[in-house]
């Protein structure tokens, strides 16, 4: 496990106060399931408000400082709800967060099926919600938060996380291999880019649905030739694989084709994804595509190098045209690609 101290992530400069980040790499046993640990301390001298993009991965934040107020604009009657240590399930829309004061904590990005095992609850119970760790079964996350907070240094905190997460995975049975294969089929269409704490157009530390660099942790096991116990044969006689040739980028696999490859009905596939992953497969595929397009637009570039044009991004990531790309960014991020680029350029981190 390596620990470093790079500059704050993209968007951190938008915080109205100092912001420190320390990164830690999980134990090798965890890396197929868990993105890097992100320890942070933020001094929000005045209210810090961010818009957090939708995402198909699960965010776990163990915090012991200023709480976070979360608002889903689609549920305006609910109003804001307050959390400090929480799990944010898969989100199919953006939300806004607000905090003020000194925030301290650690953020993890979890692949959904790993989160299903680690948390011990179907992710369908967490969809579009940020749930306080005290509300999750067994109370182990609340106890872990206390132990992490009492540990005086980041390497020690990260070691505690290694031990706790590895123990949870070892104590639970793997998910249905057919479901795991289906997830790989959706998420393996392009090599995932794992980077600084995942986030939306305004990346920050403790943020529900805080996702940027997706699609997230690499699918466990690498590419697989077909679903367990079967699979279909491609037009050239070879088995369909979980990804395109190296360097290629394609759009999401069709739900009907995925169901056929698994030997499941579309209804069973959709119900299983809703229960175990949190969102239906079509929405999941759209979110994974959005994450790739978002990462392409906000990737670090040498000085003087322009970001790719919207039409180029749309074509590369399987959108029907630039208008399609803009509509999905509105839905999942609350901004257009052009607005996102301006925000990222003014706060490069």
Foldseek 3Di string as FASTA:
>chain_A
DDKDWDDDAQQAVQAQFDKGWMWAAADPVCQLWKFIKIWMKTARQDKDKDKWFFALWKKWKLKDWWWKWKADVVPPVVGTDIEQTWMAAGELFIIMMITHGIITIMMMIGHQQLCCQLQVFASLVRYRHTGYCCPTPPCPVVVLSVVLVPDDDDVVSSVSVNVSSVVSVVVDDHDDQQLLLLVLLLLVQDFWDRDDAAAALNADDDDRNGGARDPHRHRPPPKDQAGPPFFDADPVRGGDISYDPPPAAEAGDDLVNSCVRSVHDSVVQQVVCCGHSNGGPVSNSLNRLLNNLRNQQLPDDDPPDHRDDLQVSCVRSYHPGSVSQQVSCCGGRVHGSVVSNVSSVVRVD
